[in-house]
């Protein structure tokens, strides 16, 4: 470590974390997202936004049990998934130091994102709980996919936060620079998913379309896999830096003491 890096590490001493806990959060969060995805299979493939009410009604009534089971899995998955933003926030704080505003920003977005998803899943379970009017089924089908696909900015902003923290981190290099650029690209390329709000008849950018569903969801799954791996190794780098801090601090203290004695 350079002297500047040592001083930064010492100043950031309170931002240390337990590597086992952080990696545990990553594992729990990744498992949660898998469980959420398994629950979502109850609604896949998505019906077309322009599907007739009779088709939508038949889907909900013939899949009532699987939908309710899927809702339970999605609520569980969203709960466990909060481990991901928790790990993000801890690593962002390691990049910026104690008092990191970006870390708090990350925590807030993660809480909103997953709490938002878990709370709304209950409504879909309630719709499947007993028979509804055809218009009700159609309305909640729209809500489901518009909520899941049409609000990419919650996740995109988290990607941008990680990228900004990585670029600002000039001493520790917790996140690799390529990952920061990759996260910015991911945020940019998934933002057009919000176009689903303007596609009531379906199409490529409708919530059952090739771009808004298959392409963007596929990119998100890939990003989550890469991000979990990057954060796993980033935790290792941060832990190695923490182990070096006491040794470097002692060397710095000795150098300052010698300088003071000569004066």
C-alpha atoms as a PDB file:
ATOM      1  CA  UNK A   1       0.000   0.000   0.000  1.00  0.00           C
ATOM      2  CA  UNK A   2       1.099   3.591  -0.668  1.00  0.00           C
ATOM      3  CA  UNK A   3       1.152   6.090   2.250  1.00  0.00           C
ATOM      4  CA  UNK A   4      -2.036   7.692   0.948  1.00  0.00           C
ATOM      5  CA  UNK A   5      -3.720   4.308   0.739  1.00  0.00           C
ATOM      6  CA  UNK A   6      -2.620   3.489   4.281  1.00  0.00           C
ATOM      7  CA  UNK A   7      -3.975   6.743   5.642  1.00  0.00           C
ATOM      8  CA  UNK A   8      -7.236   6.174   3.755  1.00  0.00           C
ATOM      9  CA  UNK A   9      -7.461   2.649   5.139  1.00  0.00           C
ATOM     10  CA  UNK A  10      -6.837   3.849   8.688  1.00  0.00           C
ATOM     11  CA  UNK A  11      -9.442   6.575   8.336  1.00  0.00           C
ATOM     12  CA  UNK A  12     -11.858   3.987   6.976  1.00  0.00           C
ATOM     13  CA  UNK A  13     -11.165   1.494   9.755  1.00  0.00           C
ATOM     14  CA  UNK A  14     -14.726   1.602  11.083  1.00  0.00           C
ATOM     15  CA  UNK A  15     -16.041   0.444   7.720  1.00  0.00           C
ATOM     16  CA  UNK A  16     -14.600  -3.052   8.197  1.00  0.00           C
ATOM     17  CA  UNK A  17     -16.958  -6.000   7.824  1.00  0.00           C
ATOM     18  CA  UNK A  18     -16.998  -9.711   8.478  1.00  0.00           C
ATOM     19  CA  UNK A  19     -16.206 -11.436   5.192  1.00  0.00           C
ATOM     20  CA  UNK A  20     -18.201 -14.533   6.162  1.00  0.00           C
ATOM     21  CA  UNK A  21     -21.309 -12.459   6.894  1.00  0.00           C
ATOM     22  CA  UNK A  22     -21.006 -10.490   3.654  1.00  0.00           C
ATOM     23  CA  UNK A  23     -20.535 -13.594   1.555  1.00  0.00           C
ATOM     24  CA  UNK A  24     -23.403 -15.192   3.443  1.00  0.00           C
ATOM     25  CA  UNK A  25     -25.614 -12.238   2.435  1.00  0.00           C
ATOM     26  CA  UNK A  26     -24.572 -12.758  -1.180  1.00  0.00           C
ATOM     27  CA  UNK A  27     -25.473 -16.447  -1.060  1.00  0.00           C
ATOM     28  CA  UNK A  28     -28.795 -15.831   0.695  1.00  0.00           C
ATOM     29  CA  UNK A  29     -29.643 -13.044  -1.741  1.00  0.00           C
ATOM     30  CA  UNK A  30     -28.759 -15.147  -4.781  1.00  0.00           C
ATOM     31  CA  UNK A  31     -30.854 -18.040  -3.462  1.00  0.00           C
ATOM     32  CA  UNK A  32     -33.706 -15.594  -2.874  1.00  0.00           C
ATOM     33  CA  UNK A  33     -33.603 -14.395  -6.477  1.00  0.00           C
ATOM     34  CA  UNK A  34     -33.643 -17.996  -7.708  1.00  0.00           C
ATOM     35  CA  UNK A  35     -36.652 -18.750  -5.496  1.00  0.00           C
ATOM     36  CA  UNK A  36     -38.376 -15.592  -6.776  1.00  0.00           C
ATOM     37  CA  UNK A  37     -37.732 -16.707 -10.352  1.00  0.00           C
ATOM     38  CA  UNK A  38     -39.147 -20.168  -9.648  1.00  0.00           C
ATOM     39  CA  UNK A  39     -42.317 -18.565  -8.288  1.00  0.00           C
ATOM     40  CA  UNK A  40     -42.579 -16.340 -11.342  1.00  0.00           C
ATOM     41  CA  UNK A  41     -42.742 -19.419 -13.567  1.00  0.00           C
ATOM     42  CA  UNK A  42     -46.400 -19.658 -12.548  1.00  0.00           C
ATOM     43  CA  UNK A  43     -47.018 -16.650 -14.836  1.00  0.00           C
ATOM     44  CA  UNK A  44     -44.628 -17.576 -17.655  1.00  0.00           C
ATOM     45  CA  UNK A  45     -44.915 -17.237 -20.599  1.00  0.00           C
ATOM     46  CA  UNK A  46     -46.613 -13.862 -20.187  1.00  0.00           C
ATOM     47  CA  UNK A  47     -49.957 -13.404 -21.847  1.00  0.00           C
ATOM     48  CA  UNK A  48     -50.144 -10.721 -24.511  1.00  0.00           C
ATOM     49  CA  UNK A  49     -51.375  -7.310 -23.312  1.00  0.00           C
ATOM     50  CA  UNK A  50     -53.916  -7.557 -26.099  1.00  0.00           C
ATOM     51  CA  UNK A  51     -55.180 -11.025 -25.103  1.00  0.00           C
ATOM     52  CA  UNK A  52     -58.986 -11.254 -24.870  1.00  0.00           C
ATOM     53  CA  UNK A  53     -60.526 -11.305 -21.399  1.00  0.00           C
ATOM     54  CA  UNK A  54     -61.755 -14.859 -21.893  1.00  0.00           C
ATOM     55  CA  UNK A  55     -58.191 -16.102 -22.421  1.00  0.00           C
ATOM     56  CA  UNK A  56     -56.877 -14.188 -19.407  1.00  0.00           C
ATOM     57  CA  UNK A  57     -59.728 -15.437 -17.223  1.00  0.00           C
ATOM     58  CA  UNK A  58     -59.123 -19.039 -18.270  1.00  0.00           C
ATOM     59  CA  UNK A  59     -55.435 -18.695 -17.413  1.00  0.00           C
ATOM     60  CA  UNK A  60     -56.066 -17.420 -13.878  1.00  0.00           C
ATOM     61  CA  UNK A  61     -58.819 -19.905 -13.097  1.00  0.00           C
ATOM     62  CA  UNK A  62     -57.030 -22.952 -14.486  1.00  0.00           C
ATOM     63  CA  UNK A  63     -53.738 -22.034 -12.778  1.00  0.00           C
ATOM     64  CA  UNK A  64     -55.160 -20.786  -9.488  1.00  0.00           C
ATOM     65  CA  UNK A  65     -53.246 -23.212  -7.266  1.00  0.00           C
ATOM     66  CA  UNK A  66     -49.918 -22.848  -9.041  1.00  0.00           C
ATOM     67  CA  UNK A  67     -50.272 -19.051  -8.970  1.00  0.00           C
ATOM     68  CA  UNK A  68     -50.827 -19.019  -5.219  1.00  0.00           C
ATOM     69  CA  UNK A  69     -47.905 -21.359  -4.685  1.00  0.00           C
ATOM     70  CA  UNK A  70     -45.793 -19.151  -6.936  1.00  0.00           C
ATOM     71  CA  UNK A  71     -46.807 -16.067  -4.958  1.00  0.00           C
ATOM     72  CA  UNK A  72     -45.602 -17.685  -1.735  1.00  0.00           C
ATOM     73  CA  UNK A  73     -42.249 -18.466  -3.383  1.00  0.00           C
ATOM     74  CA  UNK A  74     -41.939 -14.917  -4.733  1.00  0.00           C
ATOM     75  CA  UNK A  75     -42.634 -13.335  -1.331  1.00  0.00           C
ATOM     76  CA  UNK A  76     -40.031 -15.649   0.222  1.00  0.00           C
ATOM     77  CA  UNK A  77     -37.587 -14.915  -2.594  1.00  0.00           C
ATOM     78  CA  UNK A  78     -38.035 -11.151  -2.310  1.00  0.00           C
ATOM     79  CA  UNK A  79     -37.415 -11.384   1.440  1.00  0.00           C
ATOM     80  CA  UNK A  80     -34.195 -13.364   1.048  1.00  0.00           C
ATOM     81  CA  UNK A  81     -33.145 -11.254  -1.936  1.00  0.00           C
ATOM     82  CA  UNK A  82     -32.523  -8.239   0.306  1.00  0.00           C
ATOM     83  CA  UNK A  83     -29.160  -9.827   1.108  1.00  0.00           C
ATOM     84  CA  UNK A  84     -27.934  -8.632  -2.304  1.00  0.00           C
ATOM     85  CA  UNK A  85     -28.345  -4.853  -1.747  1.00  0.00           C
ATOM     86  CA  UNK A  86     -27.039  -5.295   1.806  1.00  0.00           C
ATOM     87  CA  UNK A  87     -23.801  -6.718   0.394  1.00  0.00           C
ATOM     88  CA  UNK A  88     -23.711  -3.988  -2.264  1.00  0.00           C
ATOM     89  CA  UNK A  89     -24.041  -1.289   0.390  1.00  0.00           C
ATOM     90  CA  UNK A  90     -21.248  -2.773   2.524  1.00  0.00           C
ATOM     91  CA  UNK A  91     -18.865  -2.855  -0.436  1.00  0.00           C
ATOM     92  CA  UNK A  92     -19.849   0.636  -1.588  1.00  0.00           C
ATOM     93  CA  UNK A  93     -19.092   1.855   1.931  1.00  0.00           C
ATOM     94  CA  UNK A  94     -15.681   0.207   1.731  1.00  0.00           C
ATOM     95  CA  UNK A  95     -15.057   2.143  -1.476  1.00  0.00           C
ATOM     96  CA  UNK A  96     -16.122   5.500  -0.063  1.00  0.00           C
ATOM     97  CA  UNK A  97     -15.425   5.203   3.660  1.00  0.00           C
ATOM     98  CA  UNK A  98     -17.557   5.817   6.723  1.00  0.00           C
ATOM     99  CA  UNK A  99     -20.379   8.273   6.203  1.00  0.00           C
ATOM    100  CA  UNK A 100     -20.790   7.115   2.606  1.00  0.00           C
ATOM    101  CA  UNK A 101     -23.929   8.711   1.177  1.00  0.00           C
ATOM    102  CA  UNK A 102     -23.935   6.287  -1.750  1.00  0.00           C
ATOM    103  CA  UNK A 103     -24.101   3.334   0.664  1.00  0.00           C
ATOM    104  CA  UNK A 104     -27.245   4.754   2.259  1.00  0.00           C
ATOM    105  CA  UNK A 105     -28.651   5.442  -1.200  1.00  0.00           C
ATOM    106  CA  UNK A 106     -28.030   1.795  -2.104  1.00  0.00           C
ATOM    107  CA  UNK A 107     -29.732   0.515   1.055  1.00  0.00           C
ATOM    108  CA  UNK A 108     -32.794   2.684   0.446  1.00  0.00           C
ATOM    109  CA  UNK A 109     -33.177   1.552  -3.153  1.00  0.00           C
ATOM    110  CA  UNK A 110     -32.723  -2.109  -2.230  1.00  0.00           C
ATOM    111  CA  UNK A 111     -35.330  -1.855   0.532  1.00  0.00           C
ATOM    112  CA  UNK A 112     -37.831  -0.133  -1.757  1.00  0.00           C
ATOM    113  CA  UNK A 113     -37.224  -2.570  -4.601  1.00  0.00           C
ATOM    114  CA  UNK A 114     -37.699  -5.793  -2.684  1.00  0.00           C
ATOM    115  CA  UNK A 115     -40.373  -4.530  -0.282  1.00  0.00           C
ATOM    116  CA  UNK A 116     -42.297  -3.196  -3.278  1.00  0.00           C
ATOM    117  CA  UNK A 117     -42.119  -6.592  -5.004  1.00  0.00           C
ATOM    118  CA  UNK A 118     -43.002  -8.644  -1.897  1.00  0.00           C
ATOM    119  CA  UNK A 119     -45.974  -6.445  -0.969  1.00  0.00           C
ATOM    120  CA  UNK A 120     -47.499  -6.513  -4.436  1.00  0.00           C
ATOM    121  CA  UNK A 121     -47.199 -10.295  -4.703  1.00  0.00           C
ATOM    122  CA  UNK A 122     -49.816 -10.567  -1.950  1.00  0.00           C
ATOM    123  CA  UNK A 123     -52.331  -8.813  -4.204  1.00  0.00           C
ATOM    124  CA  UNK A 124     -51.796 -11.391  -6.936  1.00  0.00           C
ATOM    125  CA  UNK A 125     -52.313 -14.162  -4.408  1.00  0.00           C
ATOM    126  CA  UNK A 126     -55.553 -12.497  -3.359  1.00  0.00           C
ATOM    127  CA  UNK A 127     -56.741 -12.324  -6.965  1.00  0.00           C
ATOM    128  CA  UNK A 128     -56.155 -16.063  -7.359  1.00  0.00           C
ATOM    129  CA  UNK A 129     -57.699 -16.798  -3.941  1.00  0.00           C
ATOM    130  CA  UNK A 130     -61.263 -16.829  -5.313  1.00  0.00           C
ATOM    131  CA  UNK A 131     -62.948 -16.312  -8.690  1.00  0.00           C
ATOM    132  CA  UNK A 132     -63.025 -12.734  -9.956  1.00  0.00           C
ATOM    133  CA  UNK A 133     -64.619 -10.813 -12.775  1.00  0.00           C
ATOM    134  CA  UNK A 134     -62.788 -11.086 -16.145  1.00  0.00           C
ATOM    135  CA  UNK A 135     -61.879  -7.384 -16.042  1.00  0.00           C
ATOM    136  CA  UNK A 136     -60.229  -7.900 -12.641  1.00  0.00           C
ATOM    137  CA  UNK A 137     -58.030 -10.693 -13.966  1.00  0.00           C
ATOM    138  CA  UNK A 138     -56.993  -8.569 -16.928  1.00  0.00           C
ATOM    139  CA  UNK A 139     -56.218  -5.557 -14.741  1.00  0.00           C
ATOM    140  CA  UNK A 140     -53.981  -7.506 -12.354  1.00  0.00           C
ATOM    141  CA  UNK A 141     -52.209  -9.259 -15.215  1.00  0.00           C
ATOM    142  CA  UNK A 142     -51.250  -5.834 -16.525  1.00  0.00           C
ATOM    143  CA  UNK A 143     -50.186  -4.692 -13.047  1.00  0.00           C
ATOM    144  CA  UNK A 144     -47.971  -7.753 -12.571  1.00  0.00           C
ATOM    145  CA  UNK A 145     -45.915  -7.306 -15.708  1.00  0.00           C
ATOM    146  CA  UNK A 146     -45.902  -3.516 -15.739  1.00  0.00           C
ATOM    147  CA  UNK A 147     -44.581  -3.601 -12.174  1.00  0.00           C
ATOM    148  CA  UNK A 148     -41.902  -6.225 -12.834  1.00  0.00           C
ATOM    149  CA  UNK A 149     -40.714  -4.983 -16.231  1.00  0.00           C
ATOM    150  CA  UNK A 150     -41.784  -1.341 -16.406  1.00  0.00           C
ATOM    151  CA  UNK A 151     -39.820  -0.132 -13.370  1.00  0.00           C
ATOM    152  CA  UNK A 152     -36.203  -0.796 -14.377  1.00  0.00           C
ATOM    153  CA  UNK A 153     -34.924   2.415 -12.814  1.00  0.00           C
ATOM    154  CA  UNK A 154     -34.887   1.004  -9.279  1.00  0.00           C
ATOM    155  CA  UNK A 155     -32.345  -1.611 -10.340  1.00  0.00           C
ATOM    156  CA  UNK A 156     -30.600   0.628 -12.872  1.00  0.00           C
ATOM    157  CA  UNK A 157     -29.888   3.267 -10.242  1.00  0.00           C
ATOM    158  CA  UNK A 158     -28.281   0.650  -8.009  1.00  0.00           C
ATOM    159  CA  UNK A 159     -26.023  -0.315 -10.911  1.00  0.00           C
ATOM    160  CA  UNK A 160     -25.036   3.314 -11.413  1.00  0.00           C
ATOM    161  CA  UNK A 161     -24.283   3.710  -7.690  1.00  0.00           C
ATOM    162  CA  UNK A 162     -21.906   0.751  -7.771  1.00  0.00           C
ATOM    163  CA  UNK A 163     -20.201   2.146 -10.878  1.00  0.00           C
ATOM    164  CA  UNK A 164     -19.791   5.615  -9.343  1.00  0.00           C
ATOM    165  CA  UNK A 165     -18.383   4.137  -6.128  1.00  0.00           C
ATOM    166  CA  UNK A 166     -15.922   2.050  -8.151  1.00  0.00           C
ATOM    167  CA  UNK A 167     -14.733   5.071 -10.128  1.00  0.00           C
ATOM    168  CA  UNK A 168     -14.342   7.137  -6.948  1.00  0.00           C
ATOM    169  CA  UNK A 169     -12.318   4.390  -5.264  1.00  0.00           C
ATOM    170  CA  UNK A 170      -8.761   5.273  -6.296  1.00  0.00           C
ATOM    171  CA  UNK A 171      -6.868   3.512  -3.496  1.00  0.00           C
ATOM    172  CA  UNK A 172      -8.543   0.233  -2.586  1.00  0.00           C
ATOM    173  CA  UNK A 173      -9.908  -0.838  -5.980  1.00  0.00           C
ATOM    174  CA  UNK A 174     -12.620  -2.974  -4.364  1.00  0.00           C
ATOM    175  CA  UNK A 175     -14.540  -3.243  -7.648  1.00  0.00           C
ATOM    176  CA  UNK A 176     -12.643  -3.756 -10.928  1.00  0.00           C
ATOM    177  CA  UNK A 177     -12.997  -0.936 -13.426  1.00  0.00           C
ATOM    178  CA  UNK A 178     -14.391  -3.213 -16.154  1.00  0.00           C
ATOM    179  CA  UNK A 179     -17.262  -4.112 -13.834  1.00  0.00           C
ATOM    180  CA  UNK A 180     -18.074  -0.430 -13.288  1.00  0.00           C
ATOM    181  CA  UNK A 181     -18.323   0.120 -17.053  1.00  0.00           C
ATOM    182  CA  UNK A 182     -20.313  -3.091 -17.430  1.00  0.00           C
ATOM    183  CA  UNK A 183     -22.836  -1.941 -14.787  1.00  0.00           C
ATOM    184  CA  UNK A 184     -23.257   1.403 -16.551  1.00  0.00           C
ATOM    185  CA  UNK A 185     -23.863  -0.395 -19.842  1.00  0.00           C
ATOM    186  CA  UNK A 186     -26.357  -2.729 -18.161  1.00  0.00           C
ATOM    187  CA  UNK A 187     -28.274   0.214 -16.672  1.00  0.00           C
ATOM    188  CA  UNK A 188     -28.387   1.938 -20.062  1.00  0.00           C
ATOM    189  CA  UNK A 189     -29.458  -1.116 -22.054  1.00  0.00           C
ATOM    190  CA  UNK A 190     -32.261  -2.169 -19.655  1.00  0.00           C
ATOM    191  CA  UNK A 191     -33.806   1.294 -19.198  1.00  0.00           C
ATOM    192  CA  UNK A 192     -36.011   0.984 -22.354  1.00  0.00           C
ATOM    193  CA  UNK A 193     -38.009  -1.720 -20.558  1.00  0.00           C
ATOM    194  CA  UNK A 194     -40.180   1.171 -19.331  1.00  0.00           C
ATOM    195  CA  UNK A 195     -41.634   1.289 -22.861  1.00  0.00           C
ATOM    196  CA  UNK A 196     -44.016  -1.502 -21.816  1.00  0.00           C
ATOM    197  CA  UNK A 197     -46.334   1.248 -20.531  1.00  0.00           C
ATOM    198  CA  UNK A 198     -46.856   2.404 -24.118  1.00  0.00           C
ATOM    199  CA  UNK A 199     -47.532  -1.028 -25.660  1.00  0.00           C
ATOM    200  CA  UNK A 200     -51.119  -1.977 -24.700  1.00  0.00           C
ATOM    201  CA  UNK A 201     -51.431  -4.275 -27.714  1.00  0.00           C
ATOM    202  CA  UNK A 202     -48.130  -6.118 -27.275  1.00  0.00           C
ATOM    203  CA  UNK A 203     -45.319  -6.244 -29.769  1.00  0.00           C
ATOM    204  CA  UNK A 204     -41.550  -6.363 -29.430  1.00  0.00           C
ATOM    205  CA  UNK A 205     -41.559  -3.916 -26.500  1.00  0.00           C
ATOM    206  CA  UNK A 206     -44.782  -5.222 -24.948  1.00  0.00           C
ATOM    207  CA  UNK A 207     -44.465  -7.083 -21.656  1.00  0.00           C
ATOM    208  CA  UNK A 208     -44.587 -10.380 -23.514  1.00  0.00           C
ATOM    209  CA  UNK A 209     -42.248  -9.207 -26.277  1.00  0.00           C
ATOM    210  CA  UNK A 210     -38.790 -10.346 -27.238  1.00  0.00           C
ATOM    211  CA  UNK A 211     -37.073  -7.141 -26.106  1.00  0.00           C
ATOM    212  CA  UNK A 212     -38.890  -6.206 -22.903  1.00  0.00           C
ATOM    213  CA  UNK A 213     -39.172  -9.730 -21.520  1.00  0.00           C
ATOM    214  CA  UNK A 214     -36.798 -12.296 -22.984  1.00  0.00           C
ATOM    215  CA  UNK A 215     -33.867 -10.040 -23.898  1.00  0.00           C
ATOM    216  CA  UNK A 216     -33.865  -7.695 -20.897  1.00  0.00           C
ATOM    217  CA  UNK A 217     -34.706 -10.357 -18.317  1.00  0.00           C
ATOM    218  CA  UNK A 218     -31.946 -12.516 -19.793  1.00  0.00           C
ATOM    219  CA  UNK A 219     -29.463  -9.645 -19.470  1.00  0.00           C
ATOM    220  CA  UNK A 220     -30.521  -9.099 -15.870  1.00  0.00           C
ATOM    221  CA  UNK A 221     -30.000 -12.762 -14.989  1.00  0.00           C
ATOM    222  CA  UNK A 222     -26.504 -12.630 -16.512  1.00  0.00           C
ATOM    223  CA  UNK A 223     -25.734  -9.406 -14.615  1.00  0.00           C
ATOM    224  CA  UNK A 224     -26.807 -10.952 -11.310  1.00  0.00           C
ATOM    225  CA  UNK A 225     -24.548 -13.961 -11.908  1.00  0.00           C
ATOM    226  CA  UNK A 226     -21.545 -11.800 -12.798  1.00  0.00           C
ATOM    227  CA  UNK A 227     -22.253  -9.382  -9.949  1.00  0.00           C
ATOM    228  CA  UNK A 228     -22.423 -12.142  -7.353  1.00  0.00           C
ATOM    229  CA  UNK A 229     -19.045 -13.441  -8.491  1.00  0.00           C
ATOM    230  CA  UNK A 230     -17.502  -9.931  -8.570  1.00  0.00           C
ATOM    231  CA  UNK A 231     -18.813  -9.098  -5.087  1.00  0.00           C
ATOM    232  CA  UNK A 232     -17.555 -12.427  -3.752  1.00  0.00           C
ATOM    233  CA  UNK A 233     -14.023 -11.618  -4.902  1.00  0.00           C
ATOM    234  CA  UNK A 234     -14.369  -7.941  -3.918  1.00  0.00           C
ATOM    235  CA  UNK A 235     -15.100  -9.068  -0.368  1.00  0.00           C
ATOM    236  CA  UNK A 236     -11.875 -11.057  -0.446  1.00  0.00           C
ATOM    237  CA  UNK A 237      -9.882  -8.019  -1.582  1.00  0.00           C
ATOM    238  CA  UNK A 238     -11.429  -5.843   1.115  1.00  0.00           C
ATOM    239  CA  UNK A 239     -10.635  -8.479   3.741  1.00  0.00           C
ATOM    240  CA  UNK A 240      -7.021  -8.660   2.561  1.00  0.00           C
ATOM    241  CA  UNK A 241      -6.770  -4.873   2.849  1.00  0.00           C
ATOM    242  CA  UNK A 242      -8.199  -5.039   6.377  1.00  0.00           C
ATOM    243  CA  UNK A 243      -5.596  -7.593   7.385  1.00  0.00           C
ATOM    244  CA  UNK A 244      -2.852  -5.314   6.108  1.00  0.00           C
ATOM    245  CA  UNK A 245      -4.094  -2.236   7.947  1.00  0.00           C
ATOM    246  CA  UNK A 246      -2.607  -3.047  11.426  1.00  0.00           C
ATOM    247  CA  UNK A 247       0.817  -3.815   9.933  1.00  0.00           C
ATOM    248  CA  UNK A 248       0.810  -0.711   7.775  1.00  0.00           C
ATOM    249  CA  UNK A 249      -0.489   1.380  10.654  1.00  0.00           C
ATOM    250  CA  UNK A 250       2.353   0.208  12.905  1.00  0.00           C
ATOM    251  CA  UNK A 251       4.882   1.050  10.218  1.00  0.00           C
ATOM    252  CA  UNK A 252       3.302   4.476   9.772  1.00  0.00           C
ATOM    253  CA  UNK A 253       3.292   5.129  13.530  1.00  0.00           C
ATOM    254  CA  UNK A 254       6.951   4.109  13.790  1.00  0.00           C
ATOM    255  CA  UNK A 255       7.898   6.410  10.910  1.00  0.00           C
ATOM    256  CA  UNK A 256       6.033   9.327  12.519  1.00  0.00           C
ATOM    257  CA  UNK A 257       7.684   8.608  15.893  1.00  0.00           C
ATOM    258  CA  UNK A 258      11.143   8.567  14.328  1.00  0.00           C
ATOM    259  CA  UNK A 259      10.410  11.804  12.516  1.00  0.00           C
ATOM    260  CA  UNK A 260       9.235  13.408  15.756  1.00  0.00           C
ATOM    261  CA  UNK A 261      12.346  12.240  17.669  1.00  0.00           C
ATOM    262  CA  UNK A 262      14.686  13.720  15.058  1.00  0.00           C
ATOM    263  CA  UNK A 263      12.898  17.025  15.302  1.00  0.00           C
END
